[in-house]
Amino acid sequence: MSSETDIADSQQMLGRLARTGFGGTEEVSVVTSPGARVSAWPVKVKSLSLYNVYNVRTVIIGGAGSLPVEIGSQMQAVNLAESFIDEGQLAAGTHVVMFKVGEKNVFYAPV
C-alpha cells in the first residue's frame, strides 16, 4: 500500500467522521503488512497546547475491564473537529485514535 493510498484512506475516514460524528462509529480497524508501520493508534489527551493543538500520549489498550497504559513521551496532535482559530475545548483524559497525515498527527474528536 503506497503512502498516497494511506493518505487518501485517512482523508476519507476523516471526511466520514466529519459528516456522521463518532455516534455511528464503534471501532476503527487498521490493516498493515509485514514491515509496514501502523498509521493509526490510540492516544490520551493530556492537555491543550494552543488553539486546536493538544499534547497527547500513546496508550496500549489491554483486555476488557483494564485501564489503558500510557507509553512513550508526549507529542502534539491537531483536533480536526475544532476550529483552527479558536481555543480548543476537549477535556484532558479523553482517549482518541490518532493518525499520521504527512508530517502532522491528527485526530477527530467533537466536543
PDB file of N, CA and C in Angstrom:
ATOM      1  N   MET A   1       0.850  -1.169   0.000  1.00  0.00           N
ATOM      2  CA  MET A   1       0.000   0.000   0.000  1.00  0.00           C
ATOM      3  C   MET A   1       0.896   1.232   0.000  1.00  0.00           C
ATOM      4  N   SER A   2       0.675   2.153  -0.908  1.00  0.00           N
ATOM      5  CA  SER A   2       1.531   3.326  -1.014  1.00  0.00           C
ATOM      6  C   SER A   2       1.110   4.402  -0.022  1.00  0.00           C
ATOM      7  N   SER A   3       2.010   5.364   0.185  1.00  0.00           N
ATOM      8  CA  SER A   3       1.696   6.436   1.132  1.00  0.00           C
ATOM      9  C   SER A   3       0.558   7.306   0.614  1.00  0.00           C
ATOM     10  N   GLU A   4       0.421   7.460  -0.725  1.00  0.00           N
ATOM     11  CA  GLU A   4      -0.697   8.229  -1.271  1.00  0.00           C
ATOM     12  C   GLU A   4      -2.025   7.551  -0.958  1.00  0.00           C
ATOM     13  N   THR A   5      -2.042   6.222  -1.035  1.00  0.00           N
ATOM     14  CA  THR A   5      -3.251   5.463  -0.701  1.00  0.00           C
ATOM     15  C   THR A   5      -3.565   5.611   0.776  1.00  0.00           C
ATOM     16  N   ASP A   6      -2.524   5.540   1.636  1.00  0.00           N
ATOM     17  CA  ASP A   6      -2.717   5.712   3.075  1.00  0.00           C
ATOM     18  C   ASP A   6      -3.338   7.077   3.379  1.00  0.00           C
ATOM     19  N   ILE A   7      -2.813   8.118   2.748  1.00  0.00           N
ATOM     20  CA  ILE A   7      -3.317   9.471   2.972  1.00  0.00           C
ATOM     21  C   ILE A   7      -4.748   9.579   2.472  1.00  0.00           C
ATOM     22  N   ALA A   8      -5.040   9.023   1.295  1.00  0.00           N
ATOM     23  CA  ALA A   8      -6.399   9.075   0.749  1.00  0.00           C
ATOM     24  C   ALA A   8      -7.377   8.343   1.654  1.00  0.00           C
ATOM     25  N   ASP A   9      -6.970   7.159   2.165  1.00  0.00           N
ATOM     26  CA  ASP A   9      -7.830   6.404   3.079  1.00  0.00           C
ATOM     27  C   ASP A   9      -8.085   7.181   4.362  1.00  0.00           C
ATOM     28  N   SER A  10      -7.042   7.807   4.909  1.00  0.00           N
ATOM     29  CA  SER A  10      -7.200   8.599   6.134  1.00  0.00           C
ATOM     30  C   SER A  10      -8.108   9.794   5.891  1.00  0.00           C
ATOM     31  N   GLN A  11      -7.951  10.451   4.749  1.00  0.00           N
ATOM     32  CA  GLN A  11      -8.796  11.596   4.429  1.00  0.00           C
ATOM     33  C   GLN A  11     -10.253  11.177   4.273  1.00  0.00           C
ATOM     34  N   GLN A  12     -10.488  10.004   3.655  1.00  0.00           N
ATOM     35  CA  GLN A  12     -11.860   9.517   3.518  1.00  0.00           C
ATOM     36  C   GLN A  12     -12.471   9.225   4.876  1.00  0.00           C
ATOM     37  N   MET A  13     -11.686   8.614   5.776  1.00  0.00           N
ATOM     38  CA  MET A  13     -12.196   8.305   7.109  1.00  0.00           C
ATOM     39  C   MET A  13     -12.516   9.594   7.867  1.00  0.00           C
ATOM     40  N   LEU A  14     -11.632  10.585   7.808  1.00  0.00           N
ATOM     41  CA  LEU A  14     -11.877  11.844   8.495  1.00  0.00           C
ATOM     42  C   LEU A  14     -13.094  12.553   7.912  1.00  0.00           C
ATOM     43  N   GLY A  15     -13.272  12.471   6.602  1.00  0.00           N
ATOM     44  CA  GLY A  15     -14.452  13.048   5.964  1.00  0.00           C
ATOM     45  C   GLY A  15     -15.730  12.378   6.430  1.00  0.00           C
ATOM     46  N   ARG A  16     -15.701  11.047   6.533  1.00  0.00           N
ATOM     47  CA  ARG A  16     -16.850  10.293   7.028  1.00  0.00           C
ATOM     48  C   ARG A  16     -17.184  10.692   8.459  1.00  0.00           C
ATOM     49  N   LEU A  17     -16.154  10.811   9.301  1.00  0.00           N
ATOM     50  CA  LEU A  17     -16.373  11.195  10.689  1.00  0.00           C
ATOM     51  C   LEU A  17     -16.903  12.620  10.792  1.00  0.00           C
ATOM     52  N   ALA A  18     -16.440  13.495   9.907  1.00  0.00           N
ATOM     53  CA  ALA A  18     -16.918  14.877   9.924  1.00  0.00           C
ATOM     54  C   ALA A  18     -18.406  14.946   9.597  1.00  0.00           C
ATOM     55  N   ARG A  19     -18.866  14.054   8.711  1.00  0.00           N
ATOM     56  CA  ARG A  19     -20.282  14.055   8.333  1.00  0.00           C
ATOM     57  C   ARG A  19     -21.163  13.370   9.373  1.00  0.00           C
ATOM     58  N   THR A  20     -20.690  12.261   9.951  1.00  0.00           N
ATOM     59  CA  THR A  20     -21.556  11.467  10.833  1.00  0.00           C
ATOM     60  C   THR A  20     -21.197  11.562  12.297  1.00  0.00           C
ATOM     61  N   GLY A  21     -20.001  12.021  12.629  1.00  0.00           N
ATOM     62  CA  GLY A  21     -19.574  12.062  14.020  1.00  0.00           C
ATOM     63  C   GLY A  21     -19.239  10.672  14.519  1.00  0.00           C
ATOM     64  N   PHE A  22     -18.887  10.565  15.778  1.00  0.00           N
ATOM     65  CA  PHE A  22     -18.492   9.295  16.353  1.00  0.00           C
ATOM     66  C   PHE A  22     -19.687   8.456  16.779  1.00  0.00           C
ATOM     67  N   GLY A  23     -20.898   9.017  16.766  1.00  0.00           N
ATOM     68  CA  GLY A  23     -22.072   8.272  17.201  1.00  0.00           C
ATOM     69  C   GLY A  23     -22.274   6.980  16.433  1.00  0.00           C
ATOM     70  N   GLY A  24     -22.016   6.987  15.131  1.00  0.00           N
ATOM     71  CA  GLY A  24     -22.205   5.788  14.319  1.00  0.00           C
ATOM     72  C   GLY A  24     -20.945   4.958  14.171  1.00  0.00           C
ATOM     73  N   THR A  25     -19.847   5.394  14.787  1.00  0.00           N
ATOM     74  CA  THR A  25     -18.586   4.686  14.649  1.00  0.00           C
ATOM     75  C   THR A  25     -18.286   3.941  15.938  1.00  0.00           C
ATOM     76  N   GLU A  26     -18.210   2.619  15.852  1.00  0.00           N
ATOM     77  CA  GLU A  26     -17.987   1.836  17.054  1.00  0.00           C
ATOM     78  C   GLU A  26     -16.572   1.285  17.139  1.00  0.00           C
ATOM     79  N   GLU A  27     -15.865   1.193  16.043  1.00  0.00           N
ATOM     80  CA  GLU A  27     -14.499   0.692  16.098  1.00  0.00           C
ATOM     81  C   GLU A  27     -13.711   1.217  14.916  1.00  0.00           C
ATOM     82  N   VAL A  28     -12.401   1.194  15.050  1.00  0.00           N
ATOM     83  CA  VAL A  28     -11.501   1.580  13.979  1.00  0.00           C
ATOM     84  C   VAL A  28     -10.586   0.395  13.728  1.00  0.00           C
ATOM     85  N   SER A  29     -10.445   0.004  12.475  1.00  0.00           N
ATOM     86  CA  SER A  29      -9.560  -1.104  12.127  1.00  0.00           C
ATOM     87  C   SER A  29      -8.375  -0.569  11.349  1.00  0.00           C
ATOM     88  N   VAL A  30      -7.222  -1.133  11.612  1.00  0.00           N
ATOM     89  CA  VAL A  30      -6.015  -0.768  10.895  1.00  0.00           C
ATOM     90  C   VAL A  30      -5.413  -2.052  10.350  1.00  0.00           C
ATOM     91  N   VAL A  31      -5.176  -2.098   9.052  1.00  0.00           N
ATOM     92  CA  VAL A  31      -4.585  -3.275   8.422  1.00  0.00           C
ATOM     93  C   VAL A  31      -3.211  -2.882   7.909  1.00  0.00           C
ATOM     94  N   THR A  32      -2.204  -3.648   8.302  1.00  0.00           N
ATOM     95  CA  THR A  32      -0.849  -3.384   7.831  1.00  0.00           C
ATOM     96  C   THR A  32      -0.250  -4.673   7.306  1.00  0.00           C
ATOM     97  N   SER A  33       0.797  -4.538   6.529  1.00  0.00           N
ATOM     98  CA  SER A  33       1.507  -5.707   6.038  1.00  0.00           C
ATOM     99  C   SER A  33       2.827  -5.831   6.807  1.00  0.00           C
ATOM    100  N   PRO A  34       3.466  -6.989   6.747  1.00  0.00           N
ATOM    101  CA  PRO A  34       4.739  -7.147   7.460  1.00  0.00           C
ATOM    102  C   PRO A  34       5.733  -6.057   7.046  1.00  0.00           C
ATOM    103  N   GLY A  35       6.330  -5.430   8.027  1.00  0.00           N
ATOM    104  CA  GLY A  35       7.304  -4.374   7.751  1.00  0.00           C
ATOM    105  C   GLY A  35       6.690  -2.998   7.618  1.00  0.00           C
ATOM    106  N   ALA A  36       5.368  -2.922   7.482  1.00  0.00           N
ATOM    107  CA  ALA A  36       4.715  -1.620   7.369  1.00  0.00           C
ATOM    108  C   ALA A  36       4.502  -1.051   8.759  1.00  0.00           C
ATOM    109  N   ARG A  37       4.422   0.262   8.848  1.00  0.00           N
ATOM    110  CA  ARG A  37       4.156   0.857  10.155  1.00  0.00           C
ATOM    111  C   ARG A  37       2.674   1.144  10.291  1.00  0.00           C
ATOM    112  N   VAL A  38       2.216   1.161  11.508  1.00  0.00           N
ATOM    113  CA  VAL A  38       0.808   1.417  11.785  1.00  0.00           C
ATOM    114  C   VAL A  38       0.520   2.893  11.535  1.00  0.00           C
ATOM    115  N   SER A  39      -0.580   3.194  10.835  1.00  0.00           N
ATOM    116  CA  SER A  39      -0.895   4.576  10.503  1.00  0.00           C
ATOM    117  C   SER A  39      -1.860   5.214  11.491  1.00  0.00           C
ATOM    118  N   ALA A  40      -2.396   4.438  12.433  1.00  0.00           N
ATOM    119  CA  ALA A  40      -3.310   4.978  13.443  1.00  0.00           C
ATOM    120  C   ALA A  40      -3.087   4.234  14.749  1.00  0.00           C
ATOM    121  N   TRP A  41      -3.216   4.958  15.855  1.00  0.00           N
ATOM    122  CA  TRP A  41      -3.027   4.334  17.158  1.00  0.00           C
ATOM    123  C   TRP A  41      -3.768   5.141  18.215  1.00  0.00           C
ATOM    124  N   PRO A  42      -4.090   4.489  19.358  1.00  0.00           N
ATOM    125  CA  PRO A  42      -4.830   5.185  20.409  1.00  0.00           C
ATOM    126  C   PRO A  42      -3.920   6.089  21.231  1.00  0.00           C
ATOM    127  N   VAL A  43      -4.457   7.254  21.596  1.00  0.00           N
ATOM    128  CA  VAL A  43      -3.731   8.194  22.448  1.00  0.00           C
ATOM    129  C   VAL A  43      -4.682   8.770  23.493  1.00  0.00           C
ATOM    130  N   LYS A  44      -4.092   9.324  24.534  1.00  0.00           N
ATOM    131  CA  LYS A  44      -4.852  10.001  25.586  1.00  0.00           C
ATOM    132  C   LYS A  44      -4.481  11.472  25.551  1.00  0.00           C
ATOM    133  N   VAL A  45      -5.495  12.340  25.539  1.00  0.00           N
ATOM    134  CA  VAL A  45      -5.266  13.781  25.562  1.00  0.00           C
ATOM    135  C   VAL A  45      -4.775  14.157  26.953  1.00  0.00           C
ATOM    136  N   LYS A  46      -3.612  14.797  27.029  1.00  0.00           N
ATOM    137  CA  LYS A  46      -3.033  15.200  28.306  1.00  0.00           C
ATOM    138  C   LYS A  46      -3.373  16.659  28.639  1.00  0.00           C
ATOM    139  N   SER A  47      -3.286  17.541  27.632  1.00  0.00           N
ATOM    140  CA  SER A  47      -3.567  18.957  27.875  1.00  0.00           C
ATOM    141  C   SER A  47      -3.693  19.704  26.552  1.00  0.00           C
ATOM    142  N   LEU A  48      -4.257  20.892  26.634  1.00  0.00           N
ATOM    143  CA  LEU A  48      -4.351  21.778  25.470  1.00  0.00           C
ATOM    144  C   LEU A  48      -3.019  22.491  25.313  1.00  0.00           C
ATOM    145  N   SER A  49      -2.529  22.584  24.097  1.00  0.00           N
ATOM    146  CA  SER A  49      -1.290  23.308  23.834  1.00  0.00           C
ATOM    147  C   SER A  49      -1.614  24.723  23.344  1.00  0.00           C
ATOM    148  N   LEU A  50      -2.309  24.808  22.213  1.00  0.00           N
ATOM    149  CA  LEU A  50      -2.640  26.112  21.634  1.00  0.00           C
ATOM    150  C   LEU A  50      -3.706  25.908  20.561  1.00  0.00           C
ATOM    151  N   TYR A  51      -4.752  26.740  20.568  1.00  0.00           N
ATOM    152  CA  TYR A  51      -5.861  26.631  19.633  1.00  0.00           C
ATOM    153  C   TYR A  51      -6.437  25.210  19.639  1.00  0.00           C
ATOM    154  N   ASN A  52      -6.323  24.469  18.523  1.00  0.00           N
ATOM    155  CA  ASN A  52      -6.848  23.097  18.471  1.00  0.00           C
ATOM    156  C   ASN A  52      -5.721  22.062  18.482  1.00  0.00           C
ATOM    157  N   VAL A  53      -4.587  22.432  19.028  1.00  0.00           N
ATOM    158  CA  VAL A  53      -3.430  21.539  19.141  1.00  0.00           C
ATOM    159  C   VAL A  53      -3.335  21.054  20.592  1.00  0.00           C
ATOM    160  N   TYR A  54      -3.241  19.740  20.754  1.00  0.00           N
ATOM    161  CA  TYR A  54      -3.227  19.126  22.079  1.00  0.00           C
ATOM    162  C   TYR A  54      -1.950  18.332  22.307  1.00  0.00           C
ATOM    163  N   ASN A  55      -1.549  18.240  23.569  1.00  0.00           N
ATOM    164  CA  ASN A  55      -0.469  17.334  23.973  1.00  0.00           C
ATOM    165  C   ASN A  55      -1.126  15.982  24.238  1.00  0.00           C
ATOM    166  N   VAL A  56      -0.615  14.938  23.602  1.00  0.00           N
ATOM    167  CA  VAL A  56      -1.192  13.595  23.725  1.00  0.00           C
ATOM    168  C   VAL A  56      -0.085  12.600  24.040  1.00  0.00           C
ATOM    169  N   ARG A  57      -0.503  11.426  24.507  1.00  0.00           N
ATOM    170  CA  ARG A  57       0.452  10.364  24.809  1.00  0.00           C
ATOM    171  C   ARG A  57      -0.138   9.033  24.352  1.00  0.00           C
ATOM    172  N   THR A  58       0.655   8.204  23.713  1.00  0.00           N
ATOM    173  CA  THR A  58       0.215   6.901  23.222  1.00  0.00           C
ATOM    174  C   THR A  58      -0.200   6.005  24.387  1.00  0.00           C
ATOM    175  N   VAL A  59      -1.253   5.216  24.158  1.00  0.00           N
ATOM    176  CA  VAL A  59      -1.700   4.248  25.161  1.00  0.00           C
ATOM    177  C   VAL A  59      -1.781   2.861  24.534  1.00  0.00           C
ATOM    178  N   ILE A  60      -1.630   1.853  25.387  1.00  0.00           N
ATOM    179  CA  ILE A  60      -1.830   0.466  24.976  1.00  0.00           C
ATOM    180  C   ILE A  60      -3.148   0.017  25.583  1.00  0.00           C
ATOM    181  N   ILE A  61      -4.026  -0.490  24.738  1.00  0.00           N
ATOM    182  CA  ILE A  61      -5.324  -0.968  25.190  1.00  0.00           C
ATOM    183  C   ILE A  61      -5.177  -2.430  25.589  1.00  0.00           C
ATOM    184  N   GLY A  62      -5.550  -2.743  26.830  1.00  0.00           N
ATOM    185  CA  GLY A  62      -5.445  -4.116  27.331  1.00  0.00           C
ATOM    186  C   GLY A  62      -6.762  -4.856  27.164  1.00  0.00           C
ATOM    187  N   GLY A  63      -6.946  -5.863  27.978  1.00  0.00           N
ATOM    188  CA  GLY A  63      -8.161  -6.666  27.945  1.00  0.00           C
ATOM    189  C   GLY A  63      -9.358  -5.891  28.473  1.00  0.00           C
ATOM    190  N   ALA A  64     -10.539  -6.453  28.265  1.00  0.00           N
ATOM    191  CA  ALA A  64     -11.776  -5.830  28.726  1.00  0.00           C
ATOM    192  C   ALA A  64     -11.706  -5.588  30.231  1.00  0.00           C
ATOM    193  N   GLY A  65     -12.090  -4.404  30.652  1.00  0.00           N
ATOM    194  CA  GLY A  65     -12.097  -4.056  32.064  1.00  0.00           C
ATOM    195  C   GLY A  65     -10.781  -3.515  32.581  1.00  0.00           C
ATOM    196  N   SER A  66      -9.736  -3.501  31.761  1.00  0.00           N
ATOM    197  CA  SER A  66      -8.450  -2.960  32.207  1.00  0.00           C
ATOM    198  C   SER A  66      -8.277  -1.534  31.686  1.00  0.00           C
ATOM    199  N   LEU A  67      -7.538  -0.733  32.434  1.00  0.00           N
ATOM    200  CA  LEU A  67      -7.283   0.647  32.032  1.00  0.00           C
ATOM    201  C   LEU A  67      -6.189   0.707  30.979  1.00  0.00           C
ATOM    202  N   PRO A  68      -6.300   1.627  30.021  1.00  0.00           N
ATOM    203  CA  PRO A  68      -5.220   1.805  29.042  1.00  0.00           C
ATOM    204  C   PRO A  68      -3.937   2.251  29.759  1.00  0.00           C
ATOM    205  N   VAL A  69      -2.795   1.765  29.282  1.00  0.00           N
ATOM    206  CA  VAL A  69      -1.498   2.092  29.880  1.00  0.00           C
ATOM    207  C   VAL A  69      -0.773   3.075  28.975  1.00  0.00           C
ATOM    208  N   GLU A  70      -0.350   4.206  29.544  1.00  0.00           N
ATOM    209  CA  GLU A  70       0.386   5.216  28.774  1.00  0.00           C
ATOM    210  C   GLU A  70       1.813   4.762  28.544  1.00  0.00           C
ATOM    211  N   ILE A  71       2.314   4.996  27.321  1.00  0.00           N
ATOM    212  CA  ILE A  71       3.700   4.655  26.988  1.00  0.00           C
ATOM    213  C   ILE A  71       4.317   5.807  26.208  1.00  0.00           C
ATOM    214  N   GLY A  72       5.625   5.826  26.138  1.00  0.00           N
ATOM    215  CA  GLY A  72       6.326   6.822  25.342  1.00  0.00           C
ATOM    216  C   GLY A  72       6.221   8.222  25.914  1.00  0.00           C
ATOM    217  N   SER A  73       6.670   9.171  25.116  1.00  0.00           N
ATOM    218  CA  SER A  73       6.655  10.568  25.545  1.00  0.00           C
ATOM    219  C   SER A  73       5.499  11.311  24.890  1.00  0.00           C
ATOM    220  N   GLN A  74       5.210  12.487  25.423  1.00  0.00           N
ATOM    221  CA  GLN A  74       4.135  13.312  24.863  1.00  0.00           C
ATOM    222  C   GLN A  74       4.508  13.812  23.477  1.00  0.00           C
ATOM    223  N   MET A  75       3.481  14.004  22.666  1.00  0.00           N
ATOM    224  CA  MET A  75       3.643  14.596  21.343  1.00  0.00           C
ATOM    225  C   MET A  75       2.458  15.516  21.119  1.00  0.00           C
ATOM    226  N   GLN A  76       2.451  16.245  20.053  1.00  0.00           N
ATOM    227  CA  GLN A  76       1.334  17.141  19.768  1.00  0.00           C
ATOM    228  C   GLN A  76       0.511  16.613  18.601  1.00  0.00           C
ATOM    229  N   ALA A  77      -0.793  16.867  18.676  1.00  0.00           N
ATOM    230  CA  ALA A  77      -1.705  16.446  17.622  1.00  0.00           C
ATOM    231  C   ALA A  77      -2.807  17.490  17.470  1.00  0.00           C
ATOM    232  N   VAL A  78      -3.331  17.608  16.264  1.00  0.00           N
ATOM    233  CA  VAL A  78      -4.360  18.585  15.938  1.00  0.00           C
ATOM    234  C   VAL A  78      -5.726  17.905  15.935  1.00  0.00           C
ATOM    235  N   ASN A  79      -6.709  18.524  16.622  1.00  0.00           N
ATOM    236  CA  ASN A  79      -8.087  18.024  16.596  1.00  0.00           C
ATOM    237  C   ASN A  79      -8.808  18.691  15.428  1.00  0.00           C
ATOM    238  N   LEU A  80      -9.086  17.928  14.389  1.00  0.00           N
ATOM    239  CA  LEU A  80      -9.714  18.477  13.193  1.00  0.00           C
ATOM    240  C   LEU A  80     -11.183  18.824  13.383  1.00  0.00           C
ATOM    241  N   ALA A  81     -11.777  18.412  14.498  1.00  0.00           N
ATOM    242  CA  ALA A  81     -13.187  18.723  14.764  1.00  0.00           C
ATOM    243  C   ALA A  81     -13.358  20.131  15.323  1.00  0.00           C
ATOM    244  N   GLU A  82     -12.265  20.767  15.698  1.00  0.00           N
ATOM    245  CA  GLU A  82     -12.336  22.106  16.281  1.00  0.00           C
ATOM    246  C   GLU A  82     -11.758  23.145  15.333  1.00  0.00           C
ATOM    247  N   SER A  83     -12.163  24.375  15.553  1.00  0.00           N
ATOM    248  CA  SER A  83     -11.699  25.491  14.738  1.00  0.00           C
ATOM    249  C   SER A  83     -10.189  25.665  14.865  1.00  0.00           C
ATOM    250  N   PHE A  84      -9.566  26.089  13.784  1.00  0.00           N
ATOM    251  CA  PHE A  84      -8.136  26.341  13.790  1.00  0.00           C
ATOM    252  C   PHE A  84      -7.807  27.703  14.398  1.00  0.00           C
ATOM    253  N   ILE A  85      -8.830  28.538  14.632  1.00  0.00           N
ATOM    254  CA  ILE A  85      -8.568  29.881  15.156  1.00  0.00           C
ATOM    255  C   ILE A  85      -9.151  30.127  16.544  1.00  0.00           C
ATOM    256  N   ASP A  86      -9.890  29.167  17.096  1.00  0.00           N
ATOM    257  CA  ASP A  86     -10.457  29.311  18.436  1.00  0.00           C
ATOM    258  C   ASP A  86      -9.743  28.387  19.412  1.00  0.00           C
ATOM    259  N   GLU A  87      -9.858  28.719  20.699  1.00  0.00           N
ATOM    260  CA  GLU A  87      -9.256  27.884  21.748  1.00  0.00           C
ATOM    261  C   GLU A  87      -9.991  26.548  21.839  1.00  0.00           C
ATOM    262  N   GLY A  88      -9.247  25.439  21.896  1.00  0.00           N
ATOM    263  CA  GLY A  88      -9.824  24.102  21.974  1.00  0.00           C
ATOM    264  C   GLY A  88     -10.554  23.858  23.285  1.00  0.00           C
ATOM    265  N   GLN A  89     -11.562  22.976  23.250  1.00  0.00           N
ATOM    266  CA  GLN A  89     -12.393  22.690  24.421  1.00  0.00           C
ATOM    267  C   GLN A  89     -12.395  21.223  24.828  1.00  0.00           C
ATOM    268  N   LEU A  90     -11.562  20.389  24.212  1.00  0.00           N
ATOM    269  CA  LEU A  90     -11.560  18.958  24.502  1.00  0.00           C
ATOM    270  C   LEU A  90     -10.960  18.708  25.886  1.00  0.00           C
ATOM    271  N   ALA A  91     -11.623  17.884  26.675  1.00  0.00           N
ATOM    272  CA  ALA A  91     -11.192  17.622  28.051  1.00  0.00           C
ATOM    273  C   ALA A  91      -9.952  16.732  28.098  1.00  0.00           C
ATOM    274  N   ALA A  92      -9.043  17.045  29.024  1.00  0.00           N
ATOM    275  CA  ALA A  92      -7.891  16.184  29.281  1.00  0.00           C
ATOM    276  C   ALA A  92      -8.417  14.833  29.762  1.00  0.00           C
ATOM    277  N   GLY A  93      -7.733  13.767  29.376  1.00  0.00           N
ATOM    278  CA  GLY A  93      -8.160  12.429  29.763  1.00  0.00           C
ATOM    279  C   GLY A  93      -8.980  11.724  28.705  1.00  0.00           C
ATOM    280  N   THR A  94      -9.376  12.450  27.651  1.00  0.00           N
ATOM    281  CA  THR A  94     -10.141  11.861  26.558  1.00  0.00           C
ATOM    282  C   THR A  94      -9.238  10.938  25.738  1.00  0.00           C
ATOM    283  N   HIS A  95      -9.745   9.763  25.365  1.00  0.00           N
ATOM    284  CA  HIS A  95      -8.999   8.833  24.512  1.00  0.00           C
ATOM    285  C   HIS A  95      -9.501   8.973  23.084  1.00  0.00           C
ATOM    286  N   VAL A  96      -8.571   9.054  22.137  1.00  0.00           N
ATOM    287  CA  VAL A  96      -8.912   9.211  20.722  1.00  0.00           C
ATOM    288  C   VAL A  96      -7.987   8.336  19.884  1.00  0.00           C
ATOM    289  N   VAL A  97      -8.341   8.162  18.615  1.00  0.00           N
ATOM    290  CA  VAL A  97      -7.478   7.462  17.666  1.00  0.00           C
ATOM    291  C   VAL A  97      -6.773   8.521  16.832  1.00  0.00           C
ATOM    292  N   MET A  98      -5.457   8.500  16.851  1.00  0.00           N
ATOM    293  CA  MET A  98      -4.651   9.497  16.157  1.00  0.00           C
ATOM    294  C   MET A  98      -4.099   8.902  14.866  1.00  0.00           C
ATOM    295  N   PHE A  99      -4.024   9.730  13.844  1.00  0.00           N
ATOM    296  CA  PHE A  99      -3.493   9.335  12.539  1.00  0.00           C
ATOM    297  C   PHE A  99      -2.305  10.214  12.194  1.00  0.00           C
ATOM    298  N   LYS A 100      -1.374   9.673  11.457  1.00  0.00           N
ATOM    299  CA  LYS A 100      -0.251  10.442  10.924  1.00  0.00           C
ATOM    300  C   LYS A 100      -0.623  10.815   9.494  1.00  0.00           C
ATOM    301  N   VAL A 101      -0.739  12.098   9.224  1.00  0.00           N
ATOM    302  CA  VAL A 101      -1.068  12.586   7.880  1.00  0.00           C
ATOM    303  C   VAL A 101       0.062  13.517   7.464  1.00  0.00           C
ATOM    304  N   GLY A 102       0.869  13.047   6.530  1.00  0.00           N
ATOM    305  CA  GLY A 102       2.058  13.812   6.154  1.00  0.00           C
ATOM    306  C   GLY A 102       2.980  13.888   7.354  1.00  0.00           C
ATOM    307  N   GLU A 103       3.307  15.091   7.775  1.00  0.00           N
ATOM    308  CA  GLU A 103       4.176  15.289   8.939  1.00  0.00           C
ATOM    309  C   GLU A 103       3.399  15.620  10.202  1.00  0.00           C
ATOM    310  N   LYS A 104       2.063  15.628  10.125  1.00  0.00           N
ATOM    311  CA  LYS A 104       1.225  16.032  11.262  1.00  0.00           C
ATOM    312  C   LYS A 104       0.497  14.852  11.882  1.00  0.00           C
ATOM    313  N   ASN A 105       0.333  14.904  13.190  1.00  0.00           N
ATOM    314  CA  ASN A 105      -0.521  13.972  13.919  1.00  0.00           C
ATOM    315  C   ASN A 105      -1.888  14.623  14.033  1.00  0.00           C
ATOM    316  N   VAL A 106      -2.945  13.904  13.649  1.00  0.00           N
ATOM    317  CA  VAL A 106      -4.295  14.460  13.682  1.00  0.00           C
ATOM    318  C   VAL A 106      -5.277  13.464  14.270  1.00  0.00           C
ATOM    319  N   PHE A 107      -6.365  13.982  14.822  1.00  0.00           N
ATOM    320  CA  PHE A 107      -7.470  13.148  15.271  1.00  0.00           C
ATOM    321  C   PHE A 107      -8.744  13.959  15.112  1.00  0.00           C
ATOM    322  N   TYR A 108      -9.880  13.289  15.187  1.00  0.00           N
ATOM    323  CA  TYR A 108     -11.179  13.960  15.054  1.00  0.00           C
ATOM    324  C   TYR A 108     -12.011  13.602  16.277  1.00  0.00           C
ATOM    325  N   ALA A 109     -12.223  14.575  17.161  1.00  0.00           N
ATOM    326  CA  ALA A 109     -12.986  14.348  18.376  1.00  0.00           C
ATOM    327  C   ALA A 109     -13.888  15.558  18.637  1.00  0.00           C
ATOM    328  N   PRO A 110     -15.191  15.447  18.294  1.00  0.00           N
ATOM    329  CA  PRO A 110     -16.109  16.554  18.554  1.00  0.00           C
ATOM    330  C   PRO A 110     -16.222  16.806  20.051  1.00  0.00           C
ATOM    331  N   VAL A 111     -16.414  18.058  20.389  1.00  0.00           N
ATOM    332  CA  VAL A 111     -16.538  18.431  21.806  1.00  0.00           C
ATOM    333  C   VAL A 111     -17.994  18.384  22.208  1.00  0.00           C
TER     334      VAL A 111
END
